[in-house]
Every structure is written in structure tokens, then in C-alpha cells.
Amino acid sequence: MKRVTIYGPGCKRCETAERMVREAARHLGIEVDVEKISDPKAIAMAGVMSTPGIAVDGRLVHAGGLPEASRLEGWIAA
């Protein structure tokens, strides 16, 4: 099971990022545990300067805006 963390204040883009993660995982047939972090200090400590941020298994893979679906699938599949 992959652990995916979404960093952001809970805005529309953050909600969309979570939905994209779940859709990519479902498409790949991979189970994911999605955690959402909205605490500004925790977001900054993770190195996210622009939200939403996405980390897969503890590694920050994206920050700011929404990623392309194909890239997101690659991060989850790796």
C-alpha cells in the first residue's frame, strides 16, 4: 500500500489533488492511504512552498498547482 500525503489548506485545488490521487491509484489497481495535512507549520516543514503539495511514501514529488495525471500515476506506481 502506498502512503500519499496531500499538503494544503483545504482549497479546491487540494481537494482536486486528492481526487486525482485516488483516481490514479484506482486506475493502476494500487491501494493508497491518503493523509491530508493542513497545518501551515507542518506544510512548511515538509518543504512545500506552494500548495497543493503531494508526497508519496514520504518523498515530496510535487508542489504548486495540479500535476498531470500521467506523472501522478508514475509517482504512485514507482
Protein backbone atom coordinates (compact mmCIF):
# COMPACT_ATOMS: atom_id res chain seq x y z
CA MET A 1 0.00 0.00 0.00
CA LYS A 2 1.28 3.44 -0.93
CA ARG A 3 1.08 6.29 1.54
CA VAL A 4 0.21 9.59 -0.15
CA THR A 5 0.19 12.90 1.70
CA ILE A 6 -1.62 15.96 0.36
CA TYR A 7 -0.30 19.24 1.80
CA GLY A 8 -2.58 22.27 1.60
CA PRO A 9 -5.11 24.44 3.41
CA GLY A 10 -8.13 22.55 2.07
CA CYS A 11 -8.78 24.67 -1.01
CA LYS A 12 -10.44 23.45 -4.22
CA ARG A 13 -7.07 22.57 -5.78
CA CYS A 14 -6.19 20.48 -2.71
CA GLU A 15 -9.50 18.63 -2.94
CA THR A 16 -8.92 18.08 -6.67
CA ALA A 17 -5.40 16.78 -5.99
CA GLU A 18 -6.81 14.24 -3.53
CA ARG A 19 -9.43 13.13 -6.05
CA MET A 20 -6.73 12.80 -8.73
CA VAL A 21 -4.58 10.66 -6.42
CA ARG A 22 -7.49 8.34 -5.66
CA GLU A 23 -8.45 8.07 -9.37
CA ALA A 24 -4.84 7.36 -10.42
CA ALA A 25 -4.49 4.66 -7.77
CA ARG A 26 -7.80 3.08 -8.77
CA HIS A 27 -6.74 3.14 -12.44
CA LEU A 28 -3.46 1.41 -11.52
CA GLY A 29 -5.08 -1.06 -9.12
CA ILE A 30 -2.91 0.15 -6.23
CA GLU A 31 -4.23 0.70 -2.73
CA VAL A 32 -3.39 4.10 -1.25
CA ASP A 33 -3.66 5.57 2.20
CA VAL A 34 -4.28 9.30 1.70
CA GLU A 35 -3.41 11.71 4.50
CA LYS A 36 -4.23 15.41 4.33
CA ILE A 37 -2.03 17.92 6.14
CA SER A 38 -3.43 21.44 6.54
CA ASP A 39 -1.28 22.80 9.38
CA PRO A 40 0.83 25.66 7.93
CA LYS A 41 3.87 24.77 10.05
CA ALA A 42 3.75 21.12 9.01
CA ILE A 43 3.37 22.16 5.36
CA ALA A 44 6.41 24.43 5.59
CA MET A 45 8.46 21.80 7.42
CA ALA A 46 7.74 19.36 4.58
CA GLY A 47 9.34 21.84 2.18
CA VAL A 48 6.10 22.77 0.41
CA MET A 49 6.32 26.40 -0.66
CA SER A 50 3.26 26.34 -2.91
CA THR A 51 0.18 24.19 -2.44
CA PRO A 52 -1.05 21.66 -3.06
CA GLY A 53 1.95 19.52 -2.28
CA ILE A 54 1.98 15.78 -2.84
CA ALA A 55 4.30 13.27 -1.18
CA VAL A 56 4.41 9.57 -1.97
CA ASP A 57 5.82 7.31 0.73
CA GLY A 58 7.36 10.31 2.47
CA ARG A 59 9.04 11.79 -0.63
CA LEU A 60 7.78 15.15 -1.86
CA VAL A 61 7.07 14.72 -5.58
CA HIS A 62 5.03 17.82 -6.42
CA ALA A 63 4.26 21.30 -5.13
CA GLY A 64 2.08 24.05 -6.56
CA GLY A 65 -0.80 23.57 -8.94
CA LEU A 66 -2.16 20.27 -10.15
CA PRO A 67 0.10 17.61 -11.64
CA GLU A 68 -0.50 15.89 -14.96
CA ALA A 69 -2.39 12.64 -14.47
CA SER A 70 0.33 10.60 -16.21
CA ARG A 71 3.03 11.96 -13.91
CA LEU A 72 0.87 11.28 -10.87
CA GLU A 73 0.37 7.69 -11.98
CA GLY A 74 4.14 7.34 -12.43
CA TRP A 75 4.82 8.55 -8.89
CA ILE A 76 2.23 6.19 -7.42
CA ALA A 77 3.38 3.21 -9.48
CA ALA A 78 7.09 3.68 -8.61
